Protein backbone atom coordinates (compact mmCIF):
# COMPACT_ATOMS: atom_id res chain seq x y z
CA UNK A 1 88.63 32.82 87.24
CA UNK A 2 92.03 32.53 88.90
CA UNK A 3 95.47 33.11 87.43
CA UNK A 4 99.11 32.81 88.51
CA UNK A 5 99.57 33.46 92.21
CA UNK A 6 95.93 32.47 92.91
CA UNK A 7 94.69 35.91 91.87
CA UNK A 8 90.97 36.27 91.19
CA UNK A 9 89.91 38.01 87.95
CA UNK A 10 86.57 39.49 86.99
CA UNK A 11 84.74 38.11 83.95
CA UNK A 12 81.75 39.20 81.90
CA UNK A 13 78.57 37.25 82.53
CA UNK A 14 77.28 35.04 79.71
CA UNK A 15 79.10 34.27 76.49
CA UNK A 16 80.03 37.81 75.38
CA UNK A 17 83.67 36.72 75.69
CA UNK A 18 85.15 33.24 75.89
CA UNK A 19 88.05 33.10 78.35
CA UNK A 20 90.95 30.85 77.48
CA UNK A 21 90.63 27.67 79.52
CA UNK A 22 92.92 27.22 82.52
CA UNK A 23 94.43 24.15 80.84
CA UNK A 24 95.38 26.03 77.66
CA UNK A 25 96.57 29.09 79.61
CA UNK A 26 98.83 26.96 81.81
CA UNK A 27 100.16 25.05 78.80
CA UNK A 28 100.99 28.25 76.92
CA UNK A 29 102.87 29.75 79.85
CA UNK A 30 104.78 26.48 80.28
CA UNK A 31 105.73 26.58 76.58
CA UNK A 32 106.84 30.21 76.89
CA UNK A 33 108.53 29.68 80.27
CA UNK A 34 111.59 31.91 80.50
CA UNK A 35 110.33 34.12 77.66
CA UNK A 36 107.83 36.31 79.53
CA UNK A 37 109.91 38.29 82.01
CA UNK A 38 110.77 41.67 80.48
CA UNK A 39 108.87 41.00 77.24
CA UNK A 40 106.41 43.22 75.40
CA UNK A 41 103.10 41.29 75.18
CA UNK A 42 100.21 41.93 72.77
CA UNK A 43 96.83 40.39 73.66
CA UNK A 44 94.47 40.39 70.65
CA UNK A 45 90.72 39.89 71.17
CA UNK A 46 91.60 40.10 74.85
CA UNK A 47 88.22 39.05 76.33
CA UNK A 48 88.54 39.52 80.08
CA UNK A 49 92.31 40.05 79.85
CA UNK A 50 93.31 36.83 81.61
CA UNK A 51 96.25 36.18 79.27
CA UNK A 52 97.62 39.71 79.64
CA UNK A 53 97.10 39.59 83.42
CA UNK A 54 99.01 36.32 83.54
CA UNK A 55 101.82 37.88 81.48
CA UNK A 56 101.98 40.83 83.90
CA UNK A 57 102.09 38.45 86.88
CA UNK A 58 104.97 36.60 85.25
CA UNK A 59 107.00 39.77 84.66
CA UNK A 60 106.15 41.16 81.21
CA UNK A 61 107.41 44.73 81.05
CA UNK A 62 104.49 45.94 78.94
CA UNK A 63 101.12 44.51 77.97
CA UNK A 64 98.82 45.94 75.30
CA UNK A 65 95.35 44.52 74.80
CA UNK A 66 92.85 45.05 72.02
CA UNK A 67 89.18 44.24 72.58
CA UNK A 68 86.04 45.30 70.74
CA UNK A 69 83.53 44.93 73.59
CA UNK A 70 83.26 48.09 75.72
CA UNK A 71 82.25 46.27 78.92
CA UNK A 72 85.10 43.80 78.45
CA UNK A 73 87.58 46.69 78.13
CA UNK A 74 86.44 48.01 81.50
CA UNK A 75 86.96 44.58 83.08
CA UNK A 76 90.38 44.17 81.43
CA UNK A 77 91.43 47.56 82.81
CA UNK A 78 90.32 46.53 86.31
CA UNK A 79 91.95 43.10 86.10
CA UNK A 80 95.28 44.45 84.88
CA UNK A 81 95.27 47.31 87.39
CA UNK A 82 95.13 44.82 90.26
CA UNK A 83 98.20 42.86 89.10
CA UNK A 84 100.48 45.49 87.54
CA UNK A 85 103.71 46.37 89.35
CA UNK A 86 105.27 49.85 89.47
CA UNK A 87 107.81 49.17 86.71
CA UNK A 88 105.28 47.60 84.33
CA UNK A 89 103.05 49.33 81.79
CA UNK A 90 99.77 48.34 80.24
CA UNK A 91 97.28 49.77 77.80
CA UNK A 92 93.80 48.62 76.75
CA UNK A 93 92.64 49.66 73.27
CA UNK A 94 88.98 49.40 72.36
CA UNK A 95 87.86 48.79 68.80
CA UNK A 96 88.29 46.71 65.70
CA UNK A 97 91.45 44.64 66.04
CA UNK A 98 92.74 45.31 62.51
CA UNK A 99 92.22 49.07 62.78
CA UNK A 100 93.86 49.14 66.21
CA UNK A 101 96.83 47.08 65.01
CA UNK A 102 97.65 49.84 62.53
CA UNK A 103 97.94 52.30 65.43
CA UNK A 104 100.69 50.10 66.88
CA UNK A 105 102.69 50.01 63.62
CA UNK A 106 106.31 49.06 64.11
CA UNK A 107 105.96 48.72 67.89
CA UNK A 108 107.73 45.39 68.22
CA UNK A 109 106.17 42.76 70.50
CA UNK A 110 108.01 39.69 71.77
CA UNK A 111 104.89 37.60 72.42
CA UNK A 112 101.50 37.98 70.73
CA UNK A 113 98.46 36.02 71.87
CA UNK A 114 95.57 35.97 69.40
CA UNK A 115 92.27 34.40 70.45
CA UNK A 116 89.38 35.68 68.31
CA UNK A 117 85.86 34.28 68.34
CA UNK A 118 86.37 30.85 66.82
CA UNK A 119 83.80 31.40 64.08
CA UNK A 120 85.20 34.78 63.03
CA UNK A 121 87.01 35.52 59.81
CA UNK A 122 89.79 37.39 61.61
CA UNK A 123 92.58 34.84 61.49
CA UNK A 124 94.23 35.60 58.15
CA UNK A 125 93.56 39.37 58.09
CA UNK A 126 95.02 39.82 61.58
CA UNK A 127 98.09 37.66 60.92
CA UNK A 128 98.70 39.55 57.65
CA UNK A 129 98.32 42.88 59.51
CA UNK A 130 100.89 41.78 62.10
CA UNK A 131 103.35 41.20 59.24
CA UNK A 132 102.40 44.39 57.36
CA UNK A 133 102.76 46.64 60.42
CA UNK A 134 105.93 44.82 61.54
CA UNK A 135 104.60 44.13 65.03
CA UNK A 136 106.56 40.94 65.81
CA UNK A 137 110.10 41.30 67.12
CA UNK A 138 112.88 39.40 65.37
CA UNK A 139 112.87 36.65 68.02
CA UNK A 140 109.16 36.96 68.82
CA UNK A 141 106.41 34.38 68.53
CA UNK A 142 102.65 34.47 68.00
CA UNK A 143 100.27 31.95 69.57
CA UNK A 144 96.92 31.59 67.82
CA UNK A 145 94.10 29.85 69.68
CA UNK A 146 91.55 28.18 67.40
CA UNK A 147 89.15 25.34 66.92
CA UNK A 148 90.63 23.12 64.16
CA UNK A 149 87.14 22.35 62.84
CA UNK A 150 86.56 26.04 62.12
CA UNK A 151 90.02 27.25 61.01
CA UNK A 152 93.04 25.41 59.68
CA UNK A 153 96.39 27.05 60.34
CA UNK A 154 98.44 27.79 57.23
CA UNK A 155 101.72 29.42 56.28
CA UNK A 156 101.37 33.15 55.71
CA UNK A 157 103.74 35.38 53.76
CA UNK A 158 106.23 36.69 56.31
CA UNK A 159 105.36 34.07 58.95
CA UNK A 160 106.01 30.38 59.34
CA UNK A 161 104.46 27.84 61.67
CA UNK A 162 106.96 26.91 64.36
CA UNK A 163 104.85 24.36 66.25
CA UNK A 164 101.32 23.33 67.14
CA UNK A 165 99.65 21.88 70.21
CA UNK A 166 96.21 20.37 70.75
CA UNK A 167 94.18 20.50 73.96
CA UNK A 168 90.84 18.77 73.41
CA UNK A 169 88.89 20.93 70.91
CA UNK A 170 91.40 23.77 71.17
CA UNK A 171 94.55 24.16 69.10
CA UNK A 172 97.43 26.52 69.64
CA UNK A 173 99.39 27.26 66.49
CA UNK A 174 102.66 29.16 66.90
CA UNK A 175 104.14 31.46 64.28
CA UNK A 176 107.57 33.07 63.98
CA UNK A 177 108.97 35.40 61.33
CA UNK A 178 109.87 33.61 58.11
CA UNK A 179 113.57 32.89 57.88
CA UNK A 180 113.86 33.54 54.12
């Protein structure tokens, strides 16, 4: 797998993690163009860390990733170590995403990328936890990757849908803080 600047990333063999497709990754970074440099990025269900690595390559000041799979955490650490610059910080947290979110309480993130296993029941609990623990900055945005046949995006107390994009069988739904 290659990311910005033609950098090669390691991946886990098999289907233990499902990397975000190059098409979706490129589209997301085009949508968030001009918003990455200097931002705090949170990568939920980080897989091999390609989204966080891309954010580091594009100038994010800090990237935090949460991943349950121990082997994947090792690969994320290696992938991010090869792209991080001296002034940037990153941290990989292993464990249940909802439990780990609590440990980040009130640490505001400007961009949050959430890509759980499509057939998981994590969507609503994680989005509610982001609101409860006040993890999204005032001008921040969340991108949720999902298969529309398995999960339908909905308004959530404290968040509102700002836009949605479709790429084949993959949807990206974007959330911002509710304006009420």
